PDB file of N, CA and C in Angstrom:
ATOM      1  N   MET A   1     -88.350 -60.523  11.765  1.00  0.00           N
ATOM      2  CA  MET A   1     -87.977 -60.205  13.132  1.00  0.00           C
ATOM      3  C   MET A   1     -88.136 -61.456  13.999  1.00  0.00           C
ATOM      4  N   LEU A   2     -87.167 -61.713  14.828  1.00  0.00           N
ATOM      5  CA  LEU A   2     -87.215 -62.883  15.696  1.00  0.00           C
ATOM      6  C   LEU A   2     -88.191 -62.673  16.840  1.00  0.00           C
ATOM      7  N   SER A   3     -88.802 -63.770  17.267  1.00  0.00           N
ATOM      8  CA  SER A   3     -89.642 -63.722  18.451  1.00  0.00           C
ATOM      9  C   SER A   3     -89.665 -65.103  19.076  1.00  0.00           C
ATOM     10  N   GLY A   4     -90.067 -65.166  20.348  1.00  0.00           N
ATOM     11  CA  GLY A   4     -90.217 -66.435  21.038  1.00  0.00           C
ATOM     12  C   GLY A   4     -88.998 -67.325  20.970  1.00  0.00           C
ATOM     13  N   ALA A   5     -89.193 -68.546  20.467  1.00  0.00           N
ATOM     14  CA  ALA A   5     -88.129 -69.544  20.406  1.00  0.00           C
ATOM     15  C   ALA A   5     -86.964 -69.074  19.550  1.00  0.00           C
ATOM     16  N   GLY A   6     -87.218 -68.256  18.535  1.00  0.00           N
ATOM     17  CA  GLY A   6     -86.156 -67.734  17.686  1.00  0.00           C
ATOM     18  C   GLY A   6     -85.179 -66.860  18.460  1.00  0.00           C
ATOM     19  N   ILE A   7     -85.706 -66.063  19.373  1.00  0.00           N
ATOM     20  CA  ILE A   7     -84.855 -65.207  20.193  1.00  0.00           C
ATOM     21  C   ILE A   7     -84.024 -66.051  21.144  1.00  0.00           C
ATOM     22  N   VAL A   8     -84.629 -67.053  21.768  1.00  0.00           N
ATOM     23  CA  VAL A   8     -83.904 -67.934  22.682  1.00  0.00           C
ATOM     24  C   VAL A   8     -82.758 -68.622  21.942  1.00  0.00           C
ATOM     25  N   LYS A   9     -83.028 -69.130  20.745  1.00  0.00           N
ATOM     26  CA  LYS A   9     -81.992 -69.803  19.955  1.00  0.00           C
ATOM     27  C   LYS A   9     -80.868 -68.826  19.594  1.00  0.00           C
ATOM     28  N   ALA A  10     -81.224 -67.621  19.179  1.00  0.00           N
ATOM     29  CA  ALA A  10     -80.222 -66.618  18.814  1.00  0.00           C
ATOM     30  C   ALA A  10     -79.371 -66.227  20.019  1.00  0.00           C
ATOM     31  N   LEU A  11     -80.007 -66.068  21.173  1.00  0.00           N
ATOM     32  CA  LEU A  11     -79.264 -65.686  22.374  1.00  0.00           C
ATOM     33  C   LEU A  11     -78.334 -66.805  22.832  1.00  0.00           C
ATOM     34  N   LYS A  12     -78.764 -68.046  22.709  1.00  0.00           N
ATOM     35  CA  LYS A  12     -77.879 -69.164  23.057  1.00  0.00           C
ATOM     36  C   LYS A  12     -76.632 -69.134  22.176  1.00  0.00           C
ATOM     37  N   TYR A  13     -76.825 -68.835  20.896  1.00  0.00           N
ATOM     38  CA  TYR A  13     -75.697 -68.733  19.967  1.00  0.00           C
ATOM     39  C   TYR A  13     -74.747 -67.625  20.427  1.00  0.00           C
ATOM     40  N   VAL A  14     -75.306 -66.465  20.776  1.00  0.00           N
ATOM     41  CA  VAL A  14     -74.480 -65.334  21.211  1.00  0.00           C
ATOM     42  C   VAL A  14     -73.757 -65.675  22.511  1.00  0.00           C
ATOM     43  N   PHE A  15     -74.463 -66.274  23.479  1.00  0.00           N
ATOM     44  CA  PHE A  15     -73.817 -66.651  24.738  1.00  0.00           C
ATOM     45  C   PHE A  15     -72.651 -67.608  24.478  1.00  0.00           C
ATOM     46  N   ASN A  16     -72.833 -68.573  23.596  1.00  0.00           N
ATOM     47  CA  ASN A  16     -71.748 -69.502  23.279  1.00  0.00           C
ATOM     48  C   ASN A  16     -70.558 -68.787  22.643  1.00  0.00           C
ATOM     49  N   LYS A  17     -70.826 -67.814  21.780  1.00  0.00           N
ATOM     50  CA  LYS A  17     -69.741 -67.020  21.193  1.00  0.00           C
ATOM     51  C   LYS A  17     -68.992 -66.243  22.273  1.00  0.00           C
ATOM     52  N   LEU A  18     -69.726 -65.666  23.221  1.00  0.00           N
ATOM     53  CA  LEU A  18     -69.095 -64.920  24.302  1.00  0.00           C
ATOM     54  C   LEU A  18     -68.226 -65.829  25.170  1.00  0.00           C
ATOM     55  N   ILE A  19     -68.697 -67.039  25.419  1.00  0.00           N
ATOM     56  CA  ILE A  19     -67.911 -67.984  26.214  1.00  0.00           C
ATOM     57  C   ILE A  19     -66.636 -68.357  25.473  1.00  0.00           C
ATOM     58  N   SER A  20     -66.695 -68.483  24.159  1.00  0.00           N
ATOM     59  CA  SER A  20     -65.487 -68.748  23.370  1.00  0.00           C
ATOM     60  C   SER A  20     -64.476 -67.614  23.546  1.00  0.00           C
ATOM     61  N   LEU A  21     -64.967 -66.393  23.581  1.00  0.00           N
ATOM     62  CA  LEU A  21     -64.082 -65.248  23.810  1.00  0.00           C
ATOM     63  C   LEU A  21     -63.481 -65.281  25.208  1.00  0.00           C
ATOM     64  N   LEU A  22     -64.286 -65.691  26.186  1.00  0.00           N
ATOM     65  CA  LEU A  22     -63.764 -65.816  27.548  1.00  0.00           C
ATOM     66  C   LEU A  22     -62.651 -66.860  27.607  1.00  0.00           C
ATOM     67  N   LYS A  23     -62.879 -67.994  26.959  1.00  0.00           N
ATOM     68  CA  LYS A  23     -61.865 -69.051  26.951  1.00  0.00           C
ATOM     69  C   LYS A  23     -60.560 -68.557  26.355  1.00  0.00           C
ATOM     70  N   ALA A  24     -60.664 -67.745  25.323  1.00  0.00           N
ATOM     71  CA  ALA A  24     -59.460 -67.182  24.707  1.00  0.00           C
ATOM     72  C   ALA A  24     -58.696 -66.300  25.685  1.00  0.00           C
ATOM     73  N   ALA A  25     -59.407 -65.756  26.683  1.00  0.00           N
ATOM     74  CA  ALA A  25     -58.788 -64.916  27.706  1.00  0.00           C
ATOM     75  C   ALA A  25     -58.479 -65.707  28.975  1.00  0.00           C
ATOM     76  N   GLN A  26     -58.503 -67.047  28.868  1.00  0.00           N
ATOM     77  CA  GLN A  26     -58.227 -67.934  30.007  1.00  0.00           C
ATOM     78  C   GLN A  26     -59.286 -67.848  31.100  1.00  0.00           C
ATOM     79  N   ALA A  27     -60.501 -67.481  30.732  1.00  0.00           N
ATOM     80  CA  ALA A  27     -61.619 -67.434  31.679  1.00  0.00           C
ATOM     81  C   ALA A  27     -62.636 -68.494  31.283  1.00  0.00           C
ATOM     82  N   LYS A  28     -63.625 -68.716  32.125  1.00  0.00           N
ATOM     83  CA  LYS A  28     -64.674 -69.685  31.833  1.00  0.00           C
ATOM     84  C   LYS A  28     -66.023 -69.136  32.287  1.00  0.00           C
ATOM     85  N   ARG A  29     -67.054 -69.840  31.902  1.00  0.00           N
ATOM     86  CA  ARG A  29     -68.416 -69.403  32.219  1.00  0.00           C
ATOM     87  C   ARG A  29     -68.594 -69.138  33.711  1.00  0.00           C
ATOM     88  N   GLU A  30     -68.008 -69.967  34.534  1.00  0.00           N
ATOM     89  CA  GLU A  30     -68.155 -69.823  35.985  1.00  0.00           C
ATOM     90  C   GLU A  30     -67.474 -68.568  36.530  1.00  0.00           C
ATOM     91  N   ASP A  31     -66.625 -67.930  35.742  1.00  0.00           N
ATOM     92  CA  ASP A  31     -65.966 -66.693  36.158  1.00  0.00           C
ATOM     93  C   ASP A  31     -66.821 -65.456  35.873  1.00  0.00           C
ATOM     94  N   VAL A  32     -67.928 -65.627  35.172  1.00  0.00           N
ATOM     95  CA  VAL A  32     -68.799 -64.493  34.848  1.00  0.00           C
ATOM     96  C   VAL A  32     -69.491 -64.026  36.128  1.00  0.00           C
ATOM     97  N   VAL A  33     -69.347 -62.744  36.421  1.00  0.00           N
ATOM     98  CA  VAL A  33     -69.945 -62.190  37.635  1.00  0.00           C
ATOM     99  C   VAL A  33     -71.101 -61.235  37.338  1.00  0.00           C
ATOM    100  N   ARG A  34     -71.152 -60.725  36.068  1.00  0.00           N
ATOM    101  CA  ARG A  34     -72.235 -59.805  35.731  1.00  0.00           C
ATOM    102  C   ARG A  34     -72.565 -59.921  34.247  1.00  0.00           C
ATOM    103  N   VAL A  35     -73.864 -59.879  33.959  1.00  0.00           N
ATOM    104  CA  VAL A  35     -74.357 -59.896  32.584  1.00  0.00           C
ATOM    105  C   VAL A  35     -75.269 -58.686  32.421  1.00  0.00           C
ATOM    106  N   LYS A  36     -74.982 -57.884  31.397  1.00  0.00           N
ATOM    107  CA  LYS A  36     -75.836 -56.731  31.086  1.00  0.00           C
ATOM    108  C   LYS A  36     -76.410 -56.963  29.695  1.00  0.00           C
ATOM    109  N   MET A  37     -77.727 -56.893  29.599  1.00  0.00           N
ATOM    110  CA  MET A  37     -78.392 -57.094  28.314  1.00  0.00           C
ATOM    111  C   MET A  37     -79.263 -55.879  28.020  1.00  0.00           C
ATOM    112  N   TYR A  38     -79.196 -55.438  26.772  1.00  0.00           N
ATOM    113  CA  TYR A  38     -79.970 -54.301  26.312  1.00  0.00           C
ATOM    114  C   TYR A  38     -80.866 -54.794  25.188  1.00  0.00           C
ATOM    115  N   THR A  39     -82.153 -54.446  25.247  1.00  0.00           N
ATOM    116  CA  THR A  39     -83.080 -54.885  24.208  1.00  0.00           C
ATOM    117  C   THR A  39     -83.914 -53.709  23.703  1.00  0.00           C
ATOM    118  N   THR A  40     -84.259 -53.793  22.441  1.00  0.00           N
ATOM    119  CA  THR A  40     -85.103 -52.759  21.844  1.00  0.00           C
ATOM    120  C   THR A  40     -86.584 -53.093  21.990  1.00  0.00           C
ATOM    121  N   ASP A  41     -86.886 -54.257  22.567  1.00  0.00           N
ATOM    122  CA  ASP A  41     -88.287 -54.662  22.714  1.00  0.00           C
ATOM    123  C   ASP A  41     -88.468 -55.441  24.017  1.00  0.00           C
ATOM    124  N   MET A  42     -88.935 -54.762  25.046  1.00  0.00           N
ATOM    125  CA  MET A  42     -89.115 -55.405  26.354  1.00  0.00           C
ATOM    126  C   MET A  42     -90.210 -56.470  26.333  1.00  0.00           C
ATOM    127  N   LYS A  43     -90.977 -56.533  25.244  1.00  0.00           N
ATOM    128  CA  LYS A  43     -91.957 -57.613  25.120  1.00  0.00           C
ATOM    129  C   LYS A  43     -91.257 -58.968  25.070  1.00  0.00           C
ATOM    130  N   ASN A  44     -89.973 -58.966  24.726  1.00  0.00           N
ATOM    131  CA  ASN A  44     -89.196 -60.199  24.646  1.00  0.00           C
ATOM    132  C   ASN A  44     -88.465 -60.526  25.951  1.00  0.00           C
ATOM    133  N   SER A  45     -88.742 -59.792  27.012  1.00  0.00           N
ATOM    134  CA  SER A  45     -87.990 -59.974  28.253  1.00  0.00           C
ATOM    135  C   SER A  45     -88.125 -61.386  28.832  1.00  0.00           C
ATOM    136  N   LEU A  46     -89.275 -62.012  28.692  1.00  0.00           N
ATOM    137  CA  LEU A  46     -89.447 -63.374  29.201  1.00  0.00           C
ATOM    138  C   LEU A  46     -88.528 -64.342  28.457  1.00  0.00           C
ATOM    139  N   GLU A  47     -88.477 -64.228  27.130  1.00  0.00           N
ATOM    140  CA  GLU A  47     -87.620 -65.104  26.335  1.00  0.00           C
ATOM    141  C   GLU A  47     -86.146 -64.828  26.605  1.00  0.00           C
ATOM    142  N   ILE A  48     -85.801 -63.557  26.777  1.00  0.00           N
ATOM    143  CA  ILE A  48     -84.416 -63.194  27.079  1.00  0.00           C
ATOM    144  C   ILE A  48     -84.021 -63.781  28.432  1.00  0.00           C
ATOM    145  N   SER A  49     -84.883 -63.650  29.411  1.00  0.00           N
ATOM    146  CA  SER A  49     -84.622 -64.213  30.742  1.00  0.00           C
ATOM    147  C   SER A  49     -84.510 -65.732  30.690  1.00  0.00           C
ATOM    148  N   LYS A  50     -85.333 -66.352  29.871  1.00  0.00           N
ATOM    149  CA  LYS A  50     -85.284 -67.813  29.720  1.00  0.00           C
ATOM    150  C   LYS A  50     -83.935 -68.247  29.151  1.00  0.00           C
ATOM    151  N   ALA A  51     -83.465 -67.565  28.121  1.00  0.00           N
ATOM    152  CA  ALA A  51     -82.170 -67.907  27.527  1.00  0.00           C
ATOM    153  C   ALA A  51     -81.051 -67.726  28.543  1.00  0.00           C
ATOM    154  N   TYR A  52     -81.105 -66.640  29.305  1.00  0.00           N
ATOM    155  CA  TYR A  52     -80.112 -66.386  30.356  1.00  0.00           C
ATOM    156  C   TYR A  52     -80.132 -67.516  31.384  1.00  0.00           C
ATOM    157  N   SER A  53     -81.315 -67.866  31.863  1.00  0.00           N
ATOM    158  CA  SER A  53     -81.447 -68.905  32.896  1.00  0.00           C
ATOM    159  C   SER A  53     -80.986 -70.264  32.408  1.00  0.00           C
ATOM    160  N   GLU A  54     -81.272 -70.594  31.164  1.00  0.00           N
ATOM    161  CA  GLU A  54     -80.838 -71.881  30.621  1.00  0.00           C
ATOM    162  C   GLU A  54     -79.320 -71.922  30.443  1.00  0.00           C
ATOM    163  N   PHE A  55     -78.740 -70.797  30.094  1.00  0.00           N
ATOM    164  CA  PHE A  55     -77.305 -70.766  29.853  1.00  0.00           C
ATOM    165  C   PHE A  55     -76.516 -70.761  31.152  1.00  0.00           C
ATOM    166  N   PHE A  56     -77.000 -70.035  32.146  1.00  0.00           N
ATOM    167  CA  PHE A  56     -76.313 -69.952  33.434  1.00  0.00           C
ATOM    168  C   PHE A  56     -77.087 -70.759  34.474  1.00  0.00           C
ATOM    169  N   LYS A  57     -77.242 -72.056  34.224  1.00  0.00           N
ATOM    170  CA  LYS A  57     -78.020 -72.925  35.112  1.00  0.00           C
ATOM    171  C   LYS A  57     -77.420 -73.007  36.514  1.00  0.00           C
ATOM    172  N   GLU A  58     -76.142 -73.356  36.582  1.00  0.00           N
ATOM    173  CA  GLU A  58     -75.501 -73.627  37.868  1.00  0.00           C
ATOM    174  C   GLU A  58     -75.093 -72.357  38.599  1.00  0.00           C
ATOM    175  N   ILE A  59     -74.742 -71.339  37.845  1.00  0.00           N
ATOM    176  CA  ILE A  59     -74.301 -70.085  38.454  1.00  0.00           C
ATOM    177  C   ILE A  59     -75.308 -69.008  38.115  1.00  0.00           C
ATOM    178  N   LYS A  60     -75.385 -68.017  38.914  1.00  0.00           N
ATOM    179  CA  LYS A  60     -76.328 -66.927  38.660  1.00  0.00           C
ATOM    180  C   LYS A  60     -75.593 -65.593  38.803  1.00  0.00           C
ATOM    181  N   PRO A  61     -74.878 -65.178  37.743  1.00  0.00           N
ATOM    182  CA  PRO A  61     -74.241 -63.862  37.813  1.00  0.00           C
ATOM    183  C   PRO A  61     -75.298 -62.772  37.929  1.00  0.00           C
ATOM    184  N   LEU A  62     -74.895 -61.651  38.472  1.00  0.00           N
ATOM    185  CA  LEU A  62     -75.777 -60.494  38.520  1.00  0.00           C
ATOM    186  C   LEU A  62     -76.240 -60.201  37.104  1.00  0.00           C
ATOM    187  N   CYS A  63     -77.518 -59.968  36.927  1.00  0.00           N
ATOM    188  CA  CYS A  63     -78.061 -59.772  35.581  1.00  0.00           C
ATOM    189  C   CYS A  63     -78.914 -58.514  35.545  1.00  0.00           C
ATOM    190  N   THR A  64     -78.672 -57.698  34.526  1.00  0.00           N
ATOM    191  CA  THR A  64     -79.462 -56.496  34.304  1.00  0.00           C
ATOM    192  C   THR A  64     -80.004 -56.532  32.883  1.00  0.00           C
ATOM    193  N   LEU A  65     -81.288 -56.277  32.733  1.00  0.00           N
ATOM    194  CA  LEU A  65     -81.925 -56.190  31.425  1.00  0.00           C
ATOM    195  C   LEU A  65     -82.518 -54.795  31.302  1.00  0.00           C
ATOM    196  N   VAL A  66     -82.091 -54.071  30.264  1.00  0.00           N
ATOM    197  CA  VAL A  66     -82.499 -52.686  30.077  1.00  0.00           C
ATOM    198  C   VAL A  66     -83.190 -52.529  28.727  1.00  0.00           C
ATOM    199  N   GLY A  67     -84.324 -51.867  28.712  1.00  0.00           N
ATOM    200  CA  GLY A  67     -85.000 -51.543  27.468  1.00  0.00           C
ATOM    201  C   GLY A  67     -84.480 -50.220  26.924  1.00  0.00           C
ATOM    202  N   ILE A  68     -84.098 -50.222  25.646  1.00  0.00           N
ATOM    203  CA  ILE A  68     -83.569 -49.012  25.018  1.00  0.00           C
ATOM    204  C   ILE A  68     -84.278 -48.794  23.674  1.00  0.00           C
ATOM    205  N   SER A  69     -84.124 -47.612  23.111  1.00  0.00           N
ATOM    206  CA  SER A  69     -84.847 -47.295  21.874  1.00  0.00           C
ATOM    207  C   SER A  69     -84.190 -47.883  20.629  1.00  0.00           C
ATOM    208  N   ALA A  70     -82.869 -48.023  20.619  1.00  0.00           N
ATOM    209  CA  ALA A  70     -82.199 -48.536  19.413  1.00  0.00           C
ATOM    210  C   ALA A  70     -80.834 -49.096  19.770  1.00  0.00           C
ATOM    211  N   LEU A  71     -80.364 -49.992  18.914  1.00  0.00           N
ATOM    212  CA  LEU A  71     -79.004 -50.529  19.009  1.00  0.00           C
ATOM    213  C   LEU A  71     -78.253 -50.144  17.741  1.00  0.00           C
ATOM    214  N   ASN A  72     -77.026 -50.587  17.630  1.00  0.00           N
ATOM    215  CA  ASN A  72     -76.159 -50.220  16.512  1.00  0.00           C
ATOM    216  C   ASN A  72     -76.752 -50.575  15.152  1.00  0.00           C
ATOM    217  N   ARG A  73     -77.334 -51.756  15.039  1.00  0.00           N
ATOM    218  CA  ARG A  73     -77.943 -52.199  13.775  1.00  0.00           C
ATOM    219  C   ARG A  73     -79.452 -52.311  13.964  1.00  0.00           C
ATOM    220  N   PRO A  74     -80.234 -51.865  12.998  1.00  0.00           N
ATOM    221  CA  PRO A  74     -81.693 -51.954  13.119  1.00  0.00           C
ATOM    222  C   PRO A  74     -82.197 -53.391  13.314  1.00  0.00           C
ATOM    223  N   SER A  75     -81.479 -54.385  12.777  1.00  0.00           N
ATOM    224  CA  SER A  75     -81.899 -55.783  12.906  1.00  0.00           C
ATOM    225  C   SER A  75     -81.537 -56.384  14.262  1.00  0.00           C
ATOM    226  N   GLN A  76     -80.708 -55.697  15.020  1.00  0.00           N
ATOM    227  CA  GLN A  76     -80.239 -56.200  16.307  1.00  0.00           C
ATOM    228  C   GLN A  76     -81.299 -55.955  17.372  1.00  0.00           C
ATOM    229  N   LEU A  77     -81.699 -57.022  18.063  1.00  0.00           N
ATOM    230  CA  LEU A  77     -82.720 -56.910  19.109  1.00  0.00           C
ATOM    231  C   LEU A  77     -82.141 -56.868  20.509  1.00  0.00           C
ATOM    232  N   VAL A  78     -80.961 -57.488  20.678  1.00  0.00           N
ATOM    233  CA  VAL A  78     -80.363 -57.597  22.005  1.00  0.00           C
ATOM    234  C   VAL A  78     -78.855 -57.412  21.885  1.00  0.00           C
ATOM    235  N   GLU A  79     -78.299 -56.697  22.849  1.00  0.00           N
ATOM    236  CA  GLU A  79     -76.852 -56.610  22.988  1.00  0.00           C
ATOM    237  C   GLU A  79     -76.504 -57.136  24.368  1.00  0.00           C
ATOM    238  N   ILE A  80     -75.427 -57.924  24.452  1.00  0.00           N
ATOM    239  CA  ILE A  80     -75.053 -58.564  25.712  1.00  0.00           C
ATOM    240  C   ILE A  80     -73.623 -58.205  26.063  1.00  0.00           C
ATOM    241  N   GLU A  81     -73.404 -57.849  27.319  1.00  0.00           N
ATOM    242  CA  GLU A  81     -72.070 -57.618  27.856  1.00  0.00           C
ATOM    243  C   GLU A  81     -71.866 -58.581  29.019  1.00  0.00           C
ATOM    244  N   LEU A  82     -70.686 -59.185  29.079  1.00  0.00           N
ATOM    245  CA  LEU A  82     -70.330 -60.048  30.200  1.00  0.00           C
ATOM    246  C   LEU A  82     -69.138 -59.447  30.919  1.00  0.00           C
ATOM    247  N   ASP A  83     -69.162 -59.482  32.241  1.00  0.00           N
ATOM    248  CA  ASP A  83     -67.999 -59.138  33.052  1.00  0.00           C
ATOM    249  C   ASP A  83     -67.575 -60.404  33.767  1.00  0.00           C
ATOM    250  N   ALA A  84     -66.305 -60.711  33.686  1.00  0.00           N
ATOM    251  CA  ALA A  84     -65.790 -61.909  34.340  1.00  0.00           C
ATOM    252  C   ALA A  84     -64.556 -61.563  35.156  1.00  0.00           C
ATOM    253  N   VAL A  85     -64.393 -62.256  36.261  1.00  0.00           N
ATOM    254  CA  VAL A  85     -63.192 -62.145  37.082  1.00  0.00           C
ATOM    255  C   VAL A  85     -62.515 -63.502  37.002  1.00  0.00           C
ATOM    256  N   ILE A  86     -61.400 -63.546  36.302  1.00  0.00           N
ATOM    257  CA  ILE A  86     -60.708 -64.817  36.091  1.00  0.00           C
ATOM    258  C   ILE A  86     -60.282 -65.395  37.435  1.00  0.00           C
ATOM    259  N   GLY A  87     -60.652 -66.654  37.644  1.00  0.00           N
ATOM    260  CA  GLY A  87     -60.315 -67.341  38.889  1.00  0.00           C
ATOM    261  C   GLY A  87     -61.318 -67.139  40.004  1.00  0.00           C
ATOM    262  N   SER A  88     -62.452 -66.520  39.706  1.00  0.00           N
ATOM    263  CA  SER A  88     -63.428 -66.237  40.763  1.00  0.00           C
ATOM    264  C   SER A  88     -64.452 -67.344  40.964  1.00  0.00           C
ATOM    265  N   SER A  89     -64.427 -68.368  40.110  1.00  0.00           N
ATOM    266  CA  SER A  89     -65.426 -69.434  40.234  1.00  0.00           C
ATOM    267  C   SER A  89     -65.236 -70.197  41.536  1.00  0.00           C
ATOM    268  N   LEU A  90     -66.314 -70.762  42.058  1.00  0.00           N
ATOM    269  CA  LEU A  90     -66.234 -71.535  43.293  1.00  0.00           C
ATOM    270  C   LEU A  90     -65.282 -72.701  43.141  1.00  0.00           C
ATOM    271  N   GLU A  91     -65.257 -73.298  41.950  1.00  0.00           N
ATOM    272  CA  GLU A  91     -64.361 -74.418  41.691  1.00  0.00           C
ATOM    273  C   GLU A  91     -62.911 -73.995  41.913  1.00  0.00           C
ATOM    274  N   THR A  92     -62.541 -72.825  41.420  1.00  0.00           N
ATOM    275  CA  THR A  92     -61.195 -72.303  41.590  1.00  0.00           C
ATOM    276  C   THR A  92     -60.944 -71.916  43.025  1.00  0.00           C
ATOM    277  N   LEU A  93     -61.916 -71.267  43.662  1.00  0.00           N
ATOM    278  CA  LEU A  93     -61.755 -70.826  45.034  1.00  0.00           C
ATOM    279  C   LEU A  93     -61.603 -71.994  45.995  1.00  0.00           C
ATOM    280  N   ASP A  94     -62.289 -73.105  45.709  1.00  0.00           N
ATOM    281  CA  ASP A  94     -62.188 -74.281  46.574  1.00  0.00           C
ATOM    282  C   ASP A  94     -60.787 -74.878  46.541  1.00  0.00           C
ATOM    283  N   LYS A  95     -60.029 -74.658  45.482  1.00  0.00           N
ATOM    284  CA  LYS A  95     -58.687 -75.205  45.351  1.00  0.00           C
ATOM    285  C   LYS A  95     -57.609 -74.236  45.842  1.00  0.00           C
ATOM    286  N   THR A  96     -58.015 -73.021  46.191  1.00  0.00           N
ATOM    287  CA  THR A  96     -57.060 -72.024  46.652  1.00  0.00           C
ATOM    288  C   THR A  96     -56.716 -72.286  48.101  1.00  0.00           C
ATOM    289  N   PRO A  97     -55.436 -72.397  48.425  1.00  0.00           N
ATOM    290  CA  PRO A  97     -55.078 -72.622  49.825  1.00  0.00           C
ATOM    291  C   PRO A  97     -55.477 -71.417  50.679  1.00  0.00           C
ATOM    292  N   SER A  98     -55.969 -71.689  51.837  1.00  0.00           N
ATOM    293  CA  SER A  98     -56.354 -70.593  52.731  1.00  0.00           C
ATOM    294  C   SER A  98     -55.266 -70.404  53.788  1.00  0.00           C
ATOM    295  N   ILE A  99     -55.206 -69.196  54.290  1.00  0.00           N
ATOM    296  CA  ILE A  99     -54.233 -68.880  55.330  1.00  0.00           C
ATOM    297  C   ILE A  99     -54.965 -68.860  56.658  1.00  0.00           C
ATOM    298  N   VAL A 100     -54.517 -69.686  57.546  1.00  0.00           N
ATOM    299  CA  VAL A 100     -55.108 -69.754  58.883  1.00  0.00           C
ATOM    300  C   VAL A 100     -54.088 -69.225  59.851  1.00  0.00           C
ATOM    301  N   GLY A 101     -54.496 -68.251  60.651  1.00  0.00           N
ATOM    302  CA  GLY A 101     -53.479 -67.617  61.511  1.00  0.00           C
ATOM    303  C   GLY A 101     -53.742 -67.749  62.940  1.00  0.00           C
TER     304      GLY A 101
END
């Protein structure tokens, strides 16, 4: 069972995989507006939060961490969902022409 640094490393891997999926949908990390994480062991919440904070250094999407009794696979400790709004990053918004009336 993973703990401590092992969980942080595993979560970084998962976050990178999720970002690859976002890129395939023409989105980027900065477009993420919400992250939902489910864990079977809230004792790991500090490490989970650390991985989240390291991955989303510049941006801080809304984040929810929920403790649950089980996930799909017994070996799975954390499940992560990302919600993104394509084009919502500040970088994109700064380039959007504004209408002044």
